[in-house]
Amino acid sequence: VLSLEWSSGLDSLRCISRTDLKLHGSFADMILLPALGSVDKRNGASLFVLTNPGQLHTYDDSSLSMLSSLKEGAPTICGEPFPGLIPLIDPSISVAKIFSLPKGGKLSEVFAK
């Protein structure tokens, strides 16, 4: 995971920090999703990493913040695994709607929103 800084006036991009993730399987794909209503992708973002053989791991904002504070060479944290495999070879169409549930929250309240 890289933290990048972009200067619009200089049209330059530089890496300001780097953190390694321990993957369970080989890397397949990833996406960084901003929190709802967030205009800045750095605040409240969630990272989804797909590894072979179709295992999805998620890192929320607090996990990503903790990762960036670890010293180089320190053991990394593991992402929250998605309970099931996602077909990668000759899939039909795989579509999912993923919700982030607060710890201790009630499902009925979340789905009512």
PDB file of N, CA and C in Angstrom:
ATOM      1  N   VAL A   1       0.857  -1.161   0.000  1.00  0.00           N
ATOM      2  CA  VAL A   1       0.000   0.000   0.000  1.00  0.00           C
ATOM      3  C   VAL A   1       0.904   1.224   0.000  1.00  0.00           C
ATOM      4  N   LEU A   2       0.660   2.120  -0.914  1.00  0.00           N
ATOM      5  CA  LEU A   2       1.458   3.334  -1.030  1.00  0.00           C
ATOM      6  C   LEU A   2       0.631   4.544  -0.640  1.00  0.00           C
ATOM      7  N   SER A   3       1.253   5.497   0.004  1.00  0.00           N
ATOM      8  CA  SER A   3       0.636   6.805   0.227  1.00  0.00           C
ATOM      9  C   SER A   3       1.310   7.755  -0.745  1.00  0.00           C
ATOM     10  N   LEU A   4       0.519   8.355  -1.604  1.00  0.00           N
ATOM     11  CA  LEU A   4       1.058   9.220  -2.646  1.00  0.00           C
ATOM     12  C   LEU A   4       0.664  10.661  -2.398  1.00  0.00           C
ATOM     13  N   GLU A   5       1.522  11.570  -2.813  1.00  0.00           N
ATOM     14  CA  GLU A   5       1.252  13.002  -2.702  1.00  0.00           C
ATOM     15  C   GLU A   5       1.356  13.601  -4.097  1.00  0.00           C
ATOM     16  N   TRP A   6       0.343  14.352  -4.490  1.00  0.00           N
ATOM     17  CA  TRP A   6       0.318  14.946  -5.818  1.00  0.00           C
ATOM     18  C   TRP A   6       0.310  16.456  -5.694  1.00  0.00           C
ATOM     19  N   SER A   7       1.203  17.106  -6.416  1.00  0.00           N
ATOM     20  CA  SER A   7       1.260  18.569  -6.445  1.00  0.00           C
ATOM     21  C   SER A   7       0.723  19.036  -7.784  1.00  0.00           C
ATOM     22  N   SER A   8      -0.421  19.696  -7.775  1.00  0.00           N
ATOM     23  CA  SER A   8      -1.056  20.092  -9.035  1.00  0.00           C
ATOM     24  C   SER A   8      -0.261  21.154  -9.776  1.00  0.00           C
ATOM     25  N   GLY A   9       0.371  22.058  -9.059  1.00  0.00           N
ATOM     26  CA  GLY A   9       1.138  23.108  -9.721  1.00  0.00           C
ATOM     27  C   GLY A   9       2.369  22.578 -10.422  1.00  0.00           C
ATOM     28  N   LEU A  10       2.951  21.540  -9.879  1.00  0.00           N
ATOM     29  CA  LEU A  10       4.180  20.992 -10.444  1.00  0.00           C
ATOM     30  C   LEU A  10       3.929  19.761 -11.304  1.00  0.00           C
ATOM     31  N   ASP A  11       2.710  19.279 -11.326  1.00  0.00           N
ATOM     32  CA  ASP A  11       2.375  18.042 -12.027  1.00  0.00           C
ATOM     33  C   ASP A  11       3.345  16.930 -11.663  1.00  0.00           C
ATOM     34  N   SER A  12       3.519  16.733 -10.364  1.00  0.00           N
ATOM     35  CA  SER A  12       4.423  15.681  -9.914  1.00  0.00           C
ATOM     36  C   SER A  12       3.722  14.795  -8.890  1.00  0.00           C
ATOM     37  N   LEU A  13       4.160  13.567  -8.841  1.00  0.00           N
ATOM     38  CA  LEU A  13       3.613  12.580  -7.929  1.00  0.00           C
ATOM     39  C   LEU A  13       4.780  11.947  -7.191  1.00  0.00           C
ATOM     40  N   ARG A  14       4.683  11.858  -5.868  1.00  0.00           N
ATOM     41  CA  ARG A  14       5.769  11.221  -5.134  1.00  0.00           C
ATOM     42  C   ARG A  14       5.196  10.316  -4.047  1.00  0.00           C
ATOM     43  N   CYS A  15       5.919   9.267  -3.767  1.00  0.00           N
ATOM     44  CA  CYS A  15       5.538   8.307  -2.738  1.00  0.00           C
ATOM     45  C   CYS A  15       6.037   8.827  -1.393  1.00  0.00           C
ATOM     46  N   ILE A  16       5.116   8.987  -0.422  1.00  0.00           N
ATOM     47  CA  ILE A  16       5.528   9.495   0.887  1.00  0.00           C
ATOM     48  C   ILE A  16       5.610   8.391   1.938  1.00  0.00           C
ATOM     49  N   SER A  17       4.992   7.244   1.677  1.00  0.00           N
ATOM     50  CA  SER A  17       5.150   6.099   2.576  1.00  0.00           C
ATOM     51  C   SER A  17       4.726   4.829   1.855  1.00  0.00           C
ATOM     52  N   ARG A  18       5.194   3.704   2.386  1.00  0.00           N
ATOM     53  CA  ARG A  18       4.885   2.407   1.790  1.00  0.00           C
ATOM     54  C   ARG A  18       4.644   1.412   2.915  1.00  0.00           C
ATOM     55  N   THR A  19       3.623   0.579   2.743  1.00  0.00           N
ATOM     56  CA  THR A  19       3.311  -0.465   3.710  1.00  0.00           C
ATOM     57  C   THR A  19       3.052  -1.752   2.954  1.00  0.00           C
ATOM     58  N   ASP A  20       3.593  -2.851   3.445  1.00  0.00           N
ATOM     59  CA  ASP A  20       3.383  -4.153   2.810  1.00  0.00           C
ATOM     60  C   ASP A  20       2.186  -4.851   3.432  1.00  0.00           C
ATOM     61  N   LEU A  21       1.413  -5.529   2.583  1.00  0.00           N
ATOM     62  CA  LEU A  21       0.304  -6.355   3.042  1.00  0.00           C
ATOM     63  C   LEU A  21       0.689  -7.815   2.868  1.00  0.00           C
ATOM     64  N   LYS A  22       0.349  -8.636   3.843  1.00  0.00           N
ATOM     65  CA  LYS A  22       0.564 -10.071   3.710  1.00  0.00           C
ATOM     66  C   LYS A  22      -0.669 -10.641   3.017  1.00  0.00           C
ATOM     67  N   LEU A  23      -0.463 -11.223   1.838  1.00  0.00           N
ATOM     68  CA  LEU A  23      -1.574 -11.770   1.069  1.00  0.00           C
ATOM     69  C   LEU A  23      -1.662 -13.273   1.275  1.00  0.00           C
ATOM     70  N   HIS A  24      -2.869 -13.781   1.276  1.00  0.00           N
ATOM     71  CA  HIS A  24      -3.113 -15.217   1.365  1.00  0.00           C
ATOM     72  C   HIS A  24      -3.463 -15.697  -0.035  1.00  0.00           C
ATOM     73  N   GLY A  25      -2.443 -15.992  -0.830  1.00  0.00           N
ATOM     74  CA  GLY A  25      -2.618 -16.343  -2.230  1.00  0.00           C
ATOM     75  C   GLY A  25      -2.009 -15.252  -3.084  1.00  0.00           C
ATOM     76  N   SER A  26      -2.008 -15.460  -4.383  1.00  0.00           N
ATOM     77  CA  SER A  26      -1.427 -14.463  -5.279  1.00  0.00           C
ATOM     78  C   SER A  26      -2.425 -13.346  -5.561  1.00  0.00           C
ATOM     79  N   PHE A  27      -1.906 -12.149  -5.808  1.00  0.00           N
ATOM     80  CA  PHE A  27      -2.727 -10.958  -6.039  1.00  0.00           C
ATOM     81  C   PHE A  27      -3.525 -11.109  -7.328  1.00  0.00           C
ATOM     82  N   ALA A  28      -4.807 -10.756  -7.295  1.00  0.00           N
ATOM     83  CA  ALA A  28      -5.656 -10.783  -8.486  1.00  0.00           C
ATOM     84  C   ALA A  28      -6.166  -9.383  -8.831  1.00  0.00           C
ATOM     85  N   ASP A  29      -6.672  -8.632  -7.843  1.00  0.00           N
ATOM     86  CA  ASP A  29      -7.233  -7.307  -8.113  1.00  0.00           C
ATOM     87  C   ASP A  29      -7.432  -6.573  -6.789  1.00  0.00           C
ATOM     88  N   MET A  30      -7.664  -5.265  -6.877  1.00  0.00           N
ATOM     89  CA  MET A  30      -7.951  -4.459  -5.689  1.00  0.00           C
ATOM     90  C   MET A  30      -8.726  -3.222  -6.096  1.00  0.00           C
ATOM     91  N   ILE A  31      -9.427  -2.653  -5.117  1.00  0.00           N
ATOM     92  CA  ILE A  31     -10.133  -1.393  -5.335  1.00  0.00           C
ATOM     93  C   ILE A  31     -10.155  -0.631  -4.011  1.00  0.00           C
ATOM     94  N   LEU A  32     -10.017   0.675  -4.098  1.00  0.00           N
ATOM     95  CA  LEU A  32     -10.099   1.561  -2.937  1.00  0.00           C
ATOM     96  C   LEU A  32     -11.406   2.333  -3.057  1.00  0.00           C
ATOM     97  N   LEU A  33     -12.279   2.168  -2.079  1.00  0.00           N
ATOM     98  CA  LEU A  33     -13.590   2.823  -2.104  1.00  0.00           C
ATOM     99  C   LEU A  33     -13.663   3.896  -1.028  1.00  0.00           C
ATOM    100  N   PRO A  34     -14.041   5.131  -1.408  1.00  0.00           N
ATOM    101  CA  PRO A  34     -14.192   6.183  -0.397  1.00  0.00           C
ATOM    102  C   PRO A  34     -15.444   5.934   0.440  1.00  0.00           C
ATOM    103  N   ALA A  35     -15.477   6.507   1.626  1.00  0.00           N
ATOM    104  CA  ALA A  35     -16.663   6.421   2.474  1.00  0.00           C
ATOM    105  C   ALA A  35     -17.799   7.192   1.811  1.00  0.00           C
ATOM    106  N   LEU A  36     -19.023   6.822   2.140  1.00  0.00           N
ATOM    107  CA  LEU A  36     -20.176   7.520   1.583  1.00  0.00           C
ATOM    108  C   LEU A  36     -20.118   8.996   1.935  1.00  0.00           C
ATOM    109  N   GLY A  37     -20.312   9.844   0.953  1.00  0.00           N
ATOM    110  CA  GLY A  37     -20.322  11.280   1.170  1.00  0.00           C
ATOM    111  C   GLY A  37     -18.952  11.913   1.272  1.00  0.00           C
ATOM    112  N   SER A  38     -17.900  11.119   1.152  1.00  0.00           N
ATOM    113  CA  SER A  38     -16.541  11.650   1.270  1.00  0.00           C
ATOM    114  C   SER A  38     -16.056  12.146  -0.085  1.00  0.00           C
ATOM    115  N   VAL A  39     -15.558  13.369  -0.125  1.00  0.00           N
ATOM    116  CA  VAL A  39     -14.995  13.901  -1.370  1.00  0.00           C
ATOM    117  C   VAL A  39     -13.495  13.646  -1.421  1.00  0.00           C
ATOM    118  N   ASP A  40     -12.913  13.318  -0.288  1.00  0.00           N
ATOM    119  CA  ASP A  40     -11.479  13.054  -0.187  1.00  0.00           C
ATOM    120  C   ASP A  40     -11.281  11.560   0.021  1.00  0.00           C
ATOM    121  N   LYS A  41     -10.646  10.873  -0.938  1.00  0.00           N
ATOM    122  CA  LYS A  41     -10.497   9.424  -0.850  1.00  0.00           C
ATOM    123  C   LYS A  41      -9.587   8.973   0.286  1.00  0.00           C
ATOM    124  N   ARG A  42      -8.926   9.901   0.962  1.00  0.00           N
ATOM    125  CA  ARG A  42      -8.042   9.518   2.057  1.00  0.00           C
ATOM    126  C   ARG A  42      -8.806   9.298   3.352  1.00  0.00           C
ATOM    127  N   ASN A  43      -9.960   9.896   3.511  1.00  0.00           N
ATOM    128  CA  ASN A  43     -10.692   9.800   4.771  1.00  0.00           C
ATOM    129  C   ASN A  43     -11.823   8.793   4.668  1.00  0.00           C
ATOM    130  N   GLY A  44     -11.800   7.797   5.538  1.00  0.00           N
ATOM    131  CA  GLY A  44     -12.882   6.833   5.586  1.00  0.00           C
ATOM    132  C   GLY A  44     -12.893   5.845   4.449  1.00  0.00           C
ATOM    133  N   ALA A  45     -11.774   5.621   3.799  1.00  0.00           N
ATOM    134  CA  ALA A  45     -11.723   4.711   2.663  1.00  0.00           C
ATOM    135  C   ALA A  45     -11.654   3.260   3.130  1.00  0.00           C
ATOM    136  N   SER A  46     -12.098   2.364   2.258  1.00  0.00           N
ATOM    137  CA  SER A  46     -11.969   0.928   2.479  1.00  0.00           C
ATOM    138  C   SER A  46     -11.216   0.334   1.305  1.00  0.00           C
ATOM    139  N   LEU A  47     -10.338  -0.607   1.597  1.00  0.00           N
ATOM    140  CA  LEU A  47      -9.551  -1.282   0.572  1.00  0.00           C
ATOM    141  C   LEU A  47     -10.028  -2.718   0.473  1.00  0.00           C
ATOM    142  N   PHE A  48     -10.349  -3.153  -0.746  1.00  0.00           N
ATOM    143  CA  PHE A  48     -10.733  -4.534  -1.003  1.00  0.00           C
ATOM    144  C   PHE A  48      -9.650  -5.159  -1.866  1.00  0.00           C
ATOM    145  N   VAL A  49      -9.099  -6.291  -1.407  1.00  0.00           N
ATOM    146  CA  VAL A  49      -8.043  -6.987  -2.136  1.00  0.00           C
ATOM    147  C   VAL A  49      -8.539  -8.390  -2.470  1.00  0.00           C
ATOM    148  N   LEU A  50      -8.493  -8.734  -3.757  1.00  0.00           N
ATOM    149  CA  LEU A  50      -8.898 -10.056  -4.234  1.00  0.00           C
ATOM    150  C   LEU A  50      -7.642 -10.861  -4.530  1.00  0.00           C
ATOM    151  N   THR A  51      -7.537 -12.050  -3.931  1.00  0.00           N
ATOM    152  CA  THR A  51      -6.400 -12.933  -4.181  1.00  0.00           C
ATOM    153  C   THR A  51      -6.908 -14.241  -4.773  1.00  0.00           C
ATOM    154  N   ASN A  52      -6.016 -14.941  -5.449  1.00  0.00           N
ATOM    155  CA  ASN A  52      -6.364 -16.273  -5.968  1.00  0.00           C
ATOM    156  C   ASN A  52      -6.301 -17.250  -4.809  1.00  0.00           C
ATOM    157  N   PRO A  53      -7.224 -18.129  -4.627  1.00  0.00           N
ATOM    158  CA  PRO A  53      -8.283 -18.559  -5.527  1.00  0.00           C
ATOM    159  C   PRO A  53      -9.637 -17.913  -5.262  1.00  0.00           C
ATOM    160  N   GLY A  54      -9.757 -16.615  -5.321  1.00  0.00           N
ATOM    161  CA  GLY A  54     -11.037 -15.933  -5.168  1.00  0.00           C
ATOM    162  C   GLY A  54     -11.360 -15.494  -3.757  1.00  0.00           C
ATOM    163  N   GLN A  55     -10.357 -15.299  -2.936  1.00  0.00           N
ATOM    164  CA  GLN A  55     -10.579 -14.845  -1.561  1.00  0.00           C
ATOM    165  C   GLN A  55     -10.529 -13.323  -1.514  1.00  0.00           C
ATOM    166  N   LEU A  56     -11.567 -12.714  -0.951  1.00  0.00           N
ATOM    167  CA  LEU A  56     -11.662 -11.265  -0.837  1.00  0.00           C
ATOM    168  C   LEU A  56     -11.362 -10.855   0.600  1.00  0.00           C
ATOM    169  N   HIS A  57     -10.442  -9.891   0.771  1.00  0.00           N
ATOM    170  CA  HIS A  57     -10.106  -9.349   2.088  1.00  0.00           C
ATOM    171  C   HIS A  57     -10.397  -7.858   2.074  1.00  0.00           C
ATOM    172  N   THR A  58     -10.896  -7.353   3.194  1.00  0.00           N
ATOM    173  CA  THR A  58     -11.223  -5.939   3.283  1.00  0.00           C
ATOM    174  C   THR A  58     -10.452  -5.296   4.436  1.00  0.00           C
ATOM    175  N   TYR A  59     -10.024  -4.065   4.197  1.00  0.00           N
ATOM    176  CA  TYR A  59      -9.334  -3.262   5.200  1.00  0.00           C
ATOM    177  C   TYR A  59     -10.120  -1.962   5.329  1.00  0.00           C
ATOM    178  N   ASP A  60     -10.634  -1.666   6.535  1.00  0.00           N
ATOM    179  CA  ASP A  60     -11.369  -0.418   6.732  1.00  0.00           C
ATOM    180  C   ASP A  60     -10.398   0.717   7.052  1.00  0.00           C
ATOM    181  N   ASP A  61     -10.931   1.895   7.266  1.00  0.00           N
ATOM    182  CA  ASP A  61     -10.111   3.083   7.509  1.00  0.00           C
ATOM    183  C   ASP A  61      -9.189   2.916   8.711  1.00  0.00           C
ATOM    184  N   SER A  62      -9.700   2.341   9.795  1.00  0.00           N
ATOM    185  CA  SER A  62      -8.857   2.175  10.987  1.00  0.00           C
ATOM    186  C   SER A  62      -7.736   1.173  10.732  1.00  0.00           C
ATOM    187  N   SER A  63      -8.007   0.118   9.953  1.00  0.00           N
ATOM    188  CA  SER A  63      -6.959  -0.848   9.602  1.00  0.00           C
ATOM    189  C   SER A  63      -5.887  -0.194   8.753  1.00  0.00           C
ATOM    190  N   LEU A  64      -6.303   0.614   7.778  1.00  0.00           N
ATOM    191  CA  LEU A  64      -5.337   1.290   6.914  1.00  0.00           C
ATOM    192  C   LEU A  64      -4.499   2.285   7.704  1.00  0.00           C
ATOM    193  N   SER A  65      -5.114   2.985   8.660  1.00  0.00           N
ATOM    194  CA  SER A  65      -4.367   3.921   9.504  1.00  0.00           C
ATOM    195  C   SER A  65      -3.352   3.181  10.361  1.00  0.00           C
ATOM    196  N   MET A  66      -3.754   2.034  10.890  1.00  0.00           N
ATOM    197  CA  MET A  66      -2.854   1.236  11.708  1.00  0.00           C
ATOM    198  C   MET A  66      -1.681   0.717  10.867  1.00  0.00           C
ATOM    199  N   LEU A  67      -1.965   0.320   9.621  1.00  0.00           N
ATOM    200  CA  LEU A  67      -0.909  -0.157   8.724  1.00  0.00           C
ATOM    201  C   LEU A  67       0.144   0.913   8.494  1.00  0.00           C
ATOM    202  N   SER A  68      -0.311   2.147   8.278  1.00  0.00           N
ATOM    203  CA  SER A  68       0.636   3.218   7.971  1.00  0.00           C
ATOM    204  C   SER A  68       1.494   3.598   9.176  1.00  0.00           C
ATOM    205  N   SER A  69       1.034   3.258  10.394  1.00  0.00           N
ATOM    206  CA  SER A  69       1.817   3.601  11.581  1.00  0.00           C
ATOM    207  C   SER A  69       2.807   2.501  11.978  1.00  0.00           C
ATOM    208  N   LEU A  70       2.742   1.333  11.322  1.00  0.00           N
ATOM    209  CA  LEU A  70       3.671   0.246  11.643  1.00  0.00           C
ATOM    210  C   LEU A  70       5.070   0.566  11.137  1.00  0.00           C
ATOM    211  N   LYS A  71       6.054   0.159  11.887  1.00  0.00           N
ATOM    212  CA  LYS A  71       7.442   0.348  11.462  1.00  0.00           C
ATOM    213  C   LYS A  71       7.789  -0.684  10.396  1.00  0.00           C
ATOM    214  N   GLU A  72       8.729  -0.324   9.516  1.00  0.00           N
ATOM    215  CA  GLU A  72       9.146  -1.228   8.453  1.00  0.00           C
ATOM    216  C   GLU A  72       9.676  -2.522   9.064  1.00  0.00           C
ATOM    217  N   GLY A  73       9.228  -3.650   8.523  1.00  0.00           N
ATOM    218  CA  GLY A  73       9.651  -4.952   9.015  1.00  0.00           C
ATOM    219  C   GLY A  73       8.773  -5.496  10.130  1.00  0.00           C
ATOM    220  N   ALA A  74       7.878  -4.661  10.679  1.00  0.00           N
ATOM    221  CA  ALA A  74       6.971  -5.123  11.732  1.00  0.00           C
ATOM    222  C   ALA A  74       5.911  -6.023  11.107  1.00  0.00           C
ATOM    223  N   PRO A  75       5.372  -6.973  11.890  1.00  0.00           N
ATOM    224  CA  PRO A  75       4.328  -7.836  11.334  1.00  0.00           C
ATOM    225  C   PRO A  75       3.122  -7.004  10.903  1.00  0.00           C
ATOM    226  N   THR A  76       2.567  -7.336   9.770  1.00  0.00           N
ATOM    227  CA  THR A  76       1.431  -6.594   9.232  1.00  0.00           C
ATOM    228  C   THR A  76       0.122  -7.180   9.752  1.00  0.00           C
ATOM    229  N   ILE A  77      -0.949  -6.424   9.654  1.00  0.00           N
ATOM    230  CA  ILE A  77      -2.257  -6.928  10.067  1.00  0.00           C
ATOM    231  C   ILE A  77      -2.896  -7.649   8.892  1.00  0.00           C
ATOM    232  N   CYS A  78      -3.827  -8.543   9.193  1.00  0.00           N
ATOM    233  CA  CYS A  78      -4.534  -9.280   8.143  1.00  0.00           C
ATOM    234  C   CYS A  78      -5.877  -8.609   7.901  1.00  0.00           C
ATOM    235  N   GLY A  79      -6.295  -8.608   6.651  1.00  0.00           N
ATOM    236  CA  GLY A  79      -7.594  -8.050   6.311  1.00  0.00           C
ATOM    237  C   GLY A  79      -8.711  -8.965   6.775  1.00  0.00           C
ATOM    238  N   GLU A  80      -9.893  -8.407   6.877  1.00  0.00           N
ATOM    239  CA  GLU A  80     -11.075  -9.176   7.252  1.00  0.00           C
ATOM    240  C   GLU A  80     -11.498 -10.018   6.046  1.00  0.00           C
ATOM    241  N   PRO A  81     -11.489 -11.364   6.162  1.00  0.00           N
ATOM    242  CA  PRO A  81     -11.844 -12.189   5.002  1.00  0.00           C
ATOM    243  C   PRO A  81     -13.346 -12.181   4.734  1.00  0.00           C
ATOM    244  N   PHE A  82     -13.696 -12.178   3.461  1.00  0.00           N
ATOM    245  CA  PHE A  82     -15.089 -12.299   3.036  1.00  0.00           C
ATOM    246  C   PHE A  82     -15.467 -13.769   3.170  1.00  0.00           C
ATOM    247  N   PRO A  83     -16.620 -14.104   3.751  1.00  0.00           N
ATOM    248  CA  PRO A  83     -16.960 -15.511   4.014  1.00  0.00           C
ATOM    249  C   PRO A  83     -17.431 -16.258   2.763  1.00  0.00           C
ATOM    250  N   GLY A  84     -16.526 -16.589   1.903  1.00  0.00           N
ATOM    251  CA  GLY A  84     -16.847 -17.332   0.685  1.00  0.00           C
ATOM    252  C   GLY A  84     -15.854 -17.002  -0.397  1.00  0.00           C
ATOM    253  N   LEU A  85     -15.798 -17.838  -1.408  1.00  0.00           N
ATOM    254  CA  LEU A  85     -14.887 -17.607  -2.522  1.00  0.00           C
ATOM    255  C   LEU A  85     -15.626 -16.967  -3.685  1.00  0.00           C
ATOM    256  N   ILE A  86     -14.935 -16.124  -4.417  1.00  0.00           N
ATOM    257  CA  ILE A  86     -15.485 -15.471  -5.600  1.00  0.00           C
ATOM    258  C   ILE A  86     -14.926 -16.196  -6.814  1.00  0.00           C
ATOM    259  N   PRO A  87     -15.776 -16.699  -7.720  1.00  0.00           N
ATOM    260  CA  PRO A  87     -15.260 -17.450  -8.872  1.00  0.00           C
ATOM    261  C   PRO A  87     -14.421 -16.563  -9.791  1.00  0.00           C
ATOM    262  N   LEU A  88     -13.207 -17.031 -10.117  1.00  0.00           N
ATOM    263  CA  LEU A  88     -12.301 -16.267 -10.969  1.00  0.00           C
ATOM    264  C   LEU A  88     -12.148 -16.873 -12.355  1.00  0.00           C
ATOM    265  N   ILE A  89     -12.345 -18.185 -12.481  1.00  0.00           N
ATOM    266  CA  ILE A  89     -12.168 -18.860 -13.769  1.00  0.00           C
ATOM    267  C   ILE A  89     -13.540 -19.130 -14.367  1.00  0.00           C
ATOM    268  N   ASP A  90     -13.769 -18.605 -15.562  1.00  0.00           N
ATOM    269  CA  ASP A  90     -15.041 -18.744 -16.273  1.00  0.00           C
ATOM    270  C   ASP A  90     -16.253 -18.470 -15.387  1.00  0.00           C
ATOM    271  N   PRO A  91     -16.290 -17.331 -14.725  1.00  0.00           N
ATOM    272  CA  PRO A  91     -17.465 -17.053 -13.899  1.00  0.00           C
ATOM    273  C   PRO A  91     -18.642 -16.634 -14.770  1.00  0.00           C
ATOM    274  N   SER A  92     -19.819 -16.852 -14.258  1.00  0.00           N
ATOM    275  CA  SER A  92     -20.972 -16.214 -14.873  1.00  0.00           C
ATOM    276  C   SER A  92     -20.743 -14.751 -14.544  1.00  0.00           C
ATOM    277  N   ILE A  93     -21.726 -14.004 -14.278  1.00  0.00           N
ATOM    278  CA  ILE A  93     -21.499 -12.636 -13.828  1.00  0.00           C
ATOM    279  C   ILE A  93     -21.608 -12.641 -12.309  1.00  0.00           C
ATOM    280  N   SER A  94     -20.569 -12.181 -11.654  1.00  0.00           N
ATOM    281  CA  SER A  94     -20.572 -12.106 -10.194  1.00  0.00           C
ATOM    282  C   SER A  94     -20.870 -10.673  -9.788  1.00  0.00           C
ATOM    283  N   VAL A  95     -21.972 -10.481  -9.085  1.00  0.00           N
ATOM    284  CA  VAL A  95     -22.364  -9.156  -8.625  1.00  0.00           C
ATOM    285  C   VAL A  95     -22.648  -9.258  -7.133  1.00  0.00           C
ATOM    286  N   ALA A  96     -22.170  -8.287  -6.394  1.00  0.00           N
ATOM    287  CA  ALA A  96     -22.417  -8.280  -4.957  1.00  0.00           C
ATOM    288  C   ALA A  96     -22.601  -6.849  -4.489  1.00  0.00           C
ATOM    289  N   LYS A  97     -23.396  -6.689  -3.467  1.00  0.00           N
ATOM    290  CA  LYS A  97     -23.527  -5.400  -2.800  1.00  0.00           C
ATOM    291  C   LYS A  97     -22.989  -5.606  -1.391  1.00  0.00           C
ATOM    292  N   ILE A  98     -21.918  -4.884  -1.075  1.00  0.00           N
ATOM    293  CA  ILE A  98     -21.243  -5.087   0.196  1.00  0.00           C
ATOM    294  C   ILE A  98     -21.520  -3.898   1.104  1.00  0.00           C
ATOM    295  N   PHE A  99     -21.938  -4.188   2.334  1.00  0.00           N
ATOM    296  CA  PHE A  99     -22.219  -3.161   3.327  1.00  0.00           C
ATOM    297  C   PHE A  99     -21.177  -3.232   4.429  1.00  0.00           C
ATOM    298  N   SER A 100     -20.772  -2.104   4.917  1.00  0.00           N
ATOM    299  CA  SER A 100     -19.894  -2.043   6.078  1.00  0.00           C
ATOM    300  C   SER A 100     -20.776  -1.854   7.300  1.00  0.00           C
ATOM    301  N   LEU A 101     -20.762  -2.832   8.189  1.00  0.00           N
ATOM    302  CA  LEU A 101     -21.607  -2.777   9.370  1.00  0.00           C
ATOM    303  C   LEU A 101     -20.793  -2.331  10.571  1.00  0.00           C
ATOM    304  N   PRO A 102     -21.314  -1.384  11.347  1.00  0.00           N
ATOM    305  CA  PRO A 102     -20.598  -0.969  12.556  1.00  0.00           C
ATOM    306  C   PRO A 102     -20.602  -2.102  13.576  1.00  0.00           C
ATOM    307  N   LYS A 103     -19.518  -2.214  14.337  1.00  0.00           N
ATOM    308  CA  LYS A 103     -19.446  -3.247  15.378  1.00  0.00           C
ATOM    309  C   LYS A 103     -20.552  -3.000  16.394  1.00  0.00           C
ATOM    310  N   GLY A 104     -21.312  -4.047  16.684  1.00  0.00           N
ATOM    311  CA  GLY A 104     -22.384  -3.933  17.655  1.00  0.00           C
ATOM    312  C   GLY A 104     -23.639  -3.272  17.096  1.00  0.00           C
ATOM    313  N   GLY A 105     -23.650  -2.961  15.785  1.00  0.00           N
ATOM    314  CA  GLY A 105     -24.813  -2.322  15.181  1.00  0.00           C
ATOM    315  C   GLY A 105     -25.919  -3.326  14.896  1.00  0.00           C
ATOM    316  N   LYS A 106     -27.121  -2.842  14.747  1.00  0.00           N
ATOM    317  CA  LYS A 106     -28.253  -3.711  14.451  1.00  0.00           C
ATOM    318  C   LYS A 106     -28.484  -3.741  12.946  1.00  0.00           C
ATOM    319  N   LEU A 107     -28.585  -4.945  12.398  1.00  0.00           N
ATOM    320  CA  LEU A 107     -28.773  -5.105  10.959  1.00  0.00           C
ATOM    321  C   LEU A 107     -30.036  -4.413  10.469  1.00  0.00           C
ATOM    322  N   SER A 108     -31.117  -4.497  11.227  1.00  0.00           N
ATOM    323  CA  SER A 108     -32.377  -3.902  10.787  1.00  0.00           C
ATOM    324  C   SER A 108     -32.241  -2.392  10.602  1.00  0.00           C
ATOM    325  N   GLU A 109     -31.474  -1.730  11.477  1.00  0.00           N
ATOM    326  CA  GLU A 109     -31.275  -0.281  11.357  1.00  0.00           C
ATOM    327  C   GLU A 109     -30.444   0.064  10.128  1.00  0.00           C
ATOM    328  N   VAL A 110     -29.405  -0.749   9.861  1.00  0.00           N
ATOM    329  CA  VAL A 110     -28.532  -0.494   8.714  1.00  0.00           C
ATOM    330  C   VAL A 110     -29.298  -0.669   7.415  1.00  0.00           C
ATOM    331  N   PHE A 111     -30.080  -1.755   7.303  1.00  0.00           N
ATOM    332  CA  PHE A 111     -30.815  -2.012   6.068  1.00  0.00           C
ATOM    333  C   PHE A 111     -31.984  -1.049   5.877  1.00  0.00           C
ATOM    334  N   ALA A 112     -32.501  -0.468   6.969  1.00  0.00           N
ATOM    335  CA  ALA A 112     -33.586   0.504   6.854  1.00  0.00           C
ATOM    336  C   ALA A 112     -33.106   1.790   6.199  1.00  0.00           C
ATOM    337  N   LYS A 113     -31.804   2.093   6.345  1.00  0.00           N
ATOM    338  CA  LYS A 113     -31.236   3.297   5.740  1.00  0.00           C
ATOM    339  C   LYS A 113     -31.083   3.066   4.271  1.00  0.00           C
TER     340      LYS A 113
END
